[in-house]
Amino acid sequence: MISAFKDDLPWLYEIGIETYRGLKATKSIIEKKRLIASFEKNFSCAQSPMFFELSGSEEMFMMFKEISRYLPRFLNRYLKSDKTKE
């Protein structure tokens, strides 16, 4: 999902890749929740209309709106399906 932003928003792509690597590397559910919360915070900061007026396109803004609807549900489902222990 995050690869859609690689060309237009490379900083967000890098944060997403680091989050993915962190989720794969850690076994602690607490650490995974921390990584996800950090990513969601960065993702929500990038949704500002003023941000896109300065650095993005209208199409990218619309994609952000759609992804933001599904991202929390997807990440919660990931945590619930994960077999790690606290």
N, C-alpha and C. Protein backbone atom coordinates (compact mmCIF):
# COMPACT_ATOMS: atom_id res chain seq x y z
N MET A 1 0.83 -1.19 0.00
CA MET A 1 0.00 0.00 0.00
C MET A 1 0.87 1.26 0.00
N ILE A 2 1.93 1.23 0.80
CA ILE A 2 2.77 2.42 0.95
C ILE A 2 3.60 2.71 -0.30
N SER A 3 3.81 1.71 -1.14
CA SER A 3 4.64 1.92 -2.32
C SER A 3 4.00 2.90 -3.31
N ALA A 4 2.71 3.16 -3.18
CA ALA A 4 2.04 4.12 -4.06
C ALA A 4 2.57 5.53 -3.85
N PHE A 5 3.22 5.78 -2.72
CA PHE A 5 3.71 7.12 -2.40
C PHE A 5 5.21 7.29 -2.63
N LYS A 6 5.85 6.28 -3.16
CA LYS A 6 7.31 6.29 -3.30
C LYS A 6 7.82 7.48 -4.11
N ASP A 7 7.21 7.78 -5.22
CA ASP A 7 7.70 8.86 -6.08
C ASP A 7 7.25 10.24 -5.61
N ASP A 8 6.00 10.36 -5.19
CA ASP A 8 5.46 11.67 -4.84
C ASP A 8 5.80 12.10 -3.41
N LEU A 9 5.83 11.16 -2.49
CA LEU A 9 6.08 11.46 -1.08
C LEU A 9 7.13 10.49 -0.53
N PRO A 10 8.39 10.65 -0.95
CA PRO A 10 9.40 9.67 -0.54
C PRO A 10 9.63 9.61 0.97
N TRP A 11 9.43 10.71 1.66
CA TRP A 11 9.62 10.70 3.12
C TRP A 11 8.58 9.80 3.80
N LEU A 12 7.34 9.83 3.31
CA LEU A 12 6.30 8.98 3.89
C LEU A 12 6.55 7.51 3.53
N TYR A 13 7.03 7.29 2.33
CA TYR A 13 7.40 5.94 1.91
C TYR A 13 8.48 5.36 2.83
N GLU A 14 9.49 6.16 3.13
CA GLU A 14 10.57 5.71 4.00
C GLU A 14 10.06 5.37 5.40
N ILE A 15 9.19 6.21 5.92
CA ILE A 15 8.60 5.94 7.25
C ILE A 15 7.81 4.64 7.20
N GLY A 16 7.05 4.42 6.14
CA GLY A 16 6.28 3.19 5.99
C GLY A 16 7.17 1.96 5.89
N ILE A 17 8.25 2.05 5.16
CA ILE A 17 9.18 0.92 5.02
C ILE A 17 9.85 0.62 6.35
N GLU A 18 10.25 1.66 7.07
CA GLU A 18 10.86 1.45 8.39
C GLU A 18 9.86 0.81 9.35
N THR A 19 8.61 1.23 9.27
CA THR A 19 7.57 0.62 10.11
C THR A 19 7.40 -0.85 9.75
N TYR A 20 7.34 -1.15 8.48
CA TYR A 20 7.20 -2.54 8.03
C TYR A 20 8.36 -3.40 8.53
N ARG A 21 9.57 -2.90 8.37
CA ARG A 21 10.74 -3.65 8.83
C ARG A 21 10.70 -3.85 10.35
N GLY A 22 10.28 -2.82 11.07
CA GLY A 22 10.19 -2.93 12.52
C GLY A 22 9.15 -3.95 12.94
N LEU A 23 8.01 -3.97 12.24
CA LEU A 23 6.96 -4.94 12.55
C LEU A 23 7.43 -6.37 12.30
N LYS A 24 8.21 -6.56 11.26
CA LYS A 24 8.73 -7.89 10.95
C LYS A 24 9.81 -8.32 11.93
N ALA A 25 10.59 -7.37 12.43
CA ALA A 25 11.74 -7.70 13.28
C ALA A 25 11.37 -7.95 14.74
N THR A 26 10.37 -7.24 15.24
CA THR A 26 10.06 -7.36 16.66
C THR A 26 9.02 -8.44 16.93
N LYS A 27 9.10 -9.02 18.10
CA LYS A 27 8.12 -10.02 18.53
C LYS A 27 7.19 -9.46 19.59
N SER A 28 7.52 -8.31 20.14
CA SER A 28 6.74 -7.71 21.21
C SER A 28 5.51 -6.99 20.66
N ILE A 29 4.35 -7.34 21.16
CA ILE A 29 3.11 -6.70 20.72
C ILE A 29 3.10 -5.23 21.13
N ILE A 30 3.72 -4.91 22.25
CA ILE A 30 3.78 -3.52 22.70
C ILE A 30 4.62 -2.69 21.73
N GLU A 31 5.74 -3.23 21.30
CA GLU A 31 6.59 -2.52 20.33
C GLU A 31 5.87 -2.38 19.00
N LYS A 32 5.13 -3.41 18.59
CA LYS A 32 4.38 -3.32 17.33
C LYS A 32 3.31 -2.24 17.41
N LYS A 33 2.63 -2.15 18.55
CA LYS A 33 1.63 -1.10 18.71
C LYS A 33 2.26 0.28 18.67
N ARG A 34 3.45 0.42 19.25
CA ARG A 34 4.16 1.70 19.23
C ARG A 34 4.54 2.09 17.80
N LEU A 35 5.04 1.13 17.03
CA LEU A 35 5.41 1.39 15.64
C LEU A 35 4.19 1.80 14.81
N ILE A 36 3.09 1.10 15.01
CA ILE A 36 1.87 1.41 14.26
C ILE A 36 1.34 2.79 14.63
N ALA A 37 1.35 3.12 15.92
CA ALA A 37 0.87 4.44 16.36
C ALA A 37 1.73 5.55 15.76
N SER A 38 3.03 5.33 15.72
CA SER A 38 3.92 6.33 15.13
C SER A 38 3.64 6.52 13.64
N PHE A 39 3.44 5.40 12.93
CA PHE A 39 3.14 5.49 11.50
C PHE A 39 1.81 6.19 11.27
N GLU A 40 0.79 5.84 12.04
CA GLU A 40 -0.52 6.48 11.88
C GLU A 40 -0.44 7.98 12.14
N LYS A 41 0.36 8.38 13.12
CA LYS A 41 0.53 9.81 13.41
C LYS A 41 1.17 10.53 12.23
N ASN A 42 2.22 9.96 11.66
CA ASN A 42 2.86 10.56 10.50
C ASN A 42 1.93 10.59 9.30
N PHE A 43 1.19 9.52 9.12
CA PHE A 43 0.25 9.45 8.00
C PHE A 43 -0.84 10.51 8.14
N SER A 44 -1.36 10.69 9.34
CA SER A 44 -2.42 11.68 9.54
C SER A 44 -1.90 13.11 9.35
N CYS A 45 -0.65 13.36 9.71
CA CYS A 45 -0.06 14.69 9.48
C CYS A 45 0.00 15.02 7.99
N ALA A 46 0.22 14.00 7.19
CA ALA A 46 0.35 14.20 5.75
C ALA A 46 -0.99 14.39 5.06
N GLN A 47 -2.11 14.28 5.78
CA GLN A 47 -3.43 14.40 5.16
C GLN A 47 -3.96 15.83 5.10
N SER A 48 -3.23 16.75 5.61
CA SER A 48 -3.67 18.14 5.63
C SER A 48 -3.83 18.68 4.21
N PRO A 49 -4.96 19.33 3.91
CA PRO A 49 -5.13 19.92 2.58
C PRO A 49 -4.04 20.94 2.25
N MET A 50 -3.59 21.67 3.26
CA MET A 50 -2.53 22.64 3.01
C MET A 50 -1.22 21.93 2.63
N PHE A 51 -0.97 20.78 3.23
CA PHE A 51 0.21 20.01 2.88
C PHE A 51 0.19 19.64 1.40
N PHE A 52 -0.94 19.18 0.92
CA PHE A 52 -1.03 18.77 -0.48
C PHE A 52 -1.02 19.96 -1.43
N GLU A 53 -1.50 21.10 -0.97
CA GLU A 53 -1.43 22.29 -1.80
C GLU A 53 0.03 22.67 -2.06
N LEU A 54 0.88 22.40 -1.09
CA LEU A 54 2.28 22.75 -1.22
C LEU A 54 3.11 21.66 -1.90
N SER A 55 2.79 20.39 -1.65
CA SER A 55 3.71 19.35 -2.11
C SER A 55 3.08 18.21 -2.88
N GLY A 56 1.78 18.11 -2.94
CA GLY A 56 1.17 16.96 -3.60
C GLY A 56 0.17 17.38 -4.66
N SER A 57 -0.52 16.41 -5.17
CA SER A 57 -1.54 16.66 -6.18
C SER A 57 -2.91 16.36 -5.61
N GLU A 58 -3.94 16.77 -6.31
CA GLU A 58 -5.30 16.48 -5.88
C GLU A 58 -5.57 14.98 -5.90
N GLU A 59 -5.01 14.27 -6.87
CA GLU A 59 -5.19 12.83 -6.95
C GLU A 59 -4.57 12.13 -5.73
N MET A 60 -3.39 12.61 -5.33
CA MET A 60 -2.74 12.02 -4.17
C MET A 60 -3.55 12.30 -2.90
N PHE A 61 -4.12 13.48 -2.81
CA PHE A 61 -4.96 13.83 -1.66
C PHE A 61 -6.17 12.91 -1.60
N MET A 62 -6.79 12.64 -2.73
CA MET A 62 -7.94 11.73 -2.77
C MET A 62 -7.53 10.31 -2.38
N MET A 63 -6.36 9.87 -2.82
CA MET A 63 -5.87 8.54 -2.46
C MET A 63 -5.64 8.46 -0.95
N PHE A 64 -5.08 9.51 -0.38
CA PHE A 64 -4.88 9.55 1.06
C PHE A 64 -6.20 9.41 1.80
N LYS A 65 -7.21 10.12 1.34
CA LYS A 65 -8.51 10.04 2.01
C LYS A 65 -9.05 8.62 1.98
N GLU A 66 -8.91 7.95 0.85
CA GLU A 66 -9.42 6.58 0.74
C GLU A 66 -8.61 5.62 1.59
N ILE A 67 -7.30 5.73 1.55
CA ILE A 67 -6.46 4.83 2.33
C ILE A 67 -6.67 5.05 3.81
N SER A 68 -6.87 6.30 4.22
CA SER A 68 -7.06 6.58 5.64
C SER A 68 -8.32 5.94 6.20
N ARG A 69 -9.28 5.64 5.35
CA ARG A 69 -10.49 4.95 5.79
C ARG A 69 -10.21 3.49 6.14
N TYR A 70 -9.27 2.89 5.42
CA TYR A 70 -9.01 1.46 5.58
C TYR A 70 -7.78 1.15 6.44
N LEU A 71 -6.88 2.08 6.56
CA LEU A 71 -5.62 1.83 7.26
C LEU A 71 -5.80 1.39 8.71
N PRO A 72 -6.56 2.08 9.54
CA PRO A 72 -6.70 1.63 10.93
C PRO A 72 -7.28 0.22 11.05
N ARG A 73 -8.26 -0.08 10.24
CA ARG A 73 -8.88 -1.42 10.28
C ARG A 73 -7.87 -2.49 9.85
N PHE A 74 -7.11 -2.19 8.81
CA PHE A 74 -6.10 -3.12 8.33
C PHE A 74 -5.03 -3.37 9.40
N LEU A 75 -4.55 -2.31 10.04
CA LEU A 75 -3.51 -2.44 11.05
C LEU A 75 -4.02 -3.15 12.30
N ASN A 76 -5.26 -2.88 12.70
CA ASN A 76 -5.84 -3.59 13.84
C ASN A 76 -6.00 -5.08 13.55
N ARG A 77 -6.41 -5.39 12.34
CA ARG A 77 -6.55 -6.80 11.97
C ARG A 77 -5.19 -7.49 11.96
N TYR A 78 -4.16 -6.75 11.53
CA TYR A 78 -2.81 -7.30 11.56
C TYR A 78 -2.40 -7.64 13.00
N LEU A 79 -2.65 -6.72 13.92
CA LEU A 79 -2.28 -6.97 15.32
C LEU A 79 -3.06 -8.14 15.92
N LYS A 80 -4.33 -8.24 15.60
CA LYS A 80 -5.14 -9.34 16.14
C LYS A 80 -4.72 -10.70 15.57
N SER A 81 -4.28 -10.71 14.33
CA SER A 81 -3.88 -11.97 13.71
C SER A 81 -2.48 -12.38 14.09
N ASP A 82 -1.72 -11.44 14.64
CA ASP A 82 -0.34 -11.73 15.03
C ASP A 82 -0.33 -12.68 16.23
N LYS A 83 0.55 -13.63 16.22
CA LYS A 83 0.59 -14.66 17.25
C LYS A 83 1.56 -14.32 18.39
N THR A 84 2.04 -13.09 18.48
CA THR A 84 3.01 -12.73 19.52
C THR A 84 2.33 -12.58 20.86
N LYS A 85 3.10 -12.66 21.89
CA LYS A 85 2.61 -12.49 23.26
C LYS A 85 3.10 -11.15 23.79
N GLU A 86 2.36 -10.60 24.72
CA GLU A 86 2.77 -9.32 25.33
C GLU A 86 3.92 -9.54 26.27
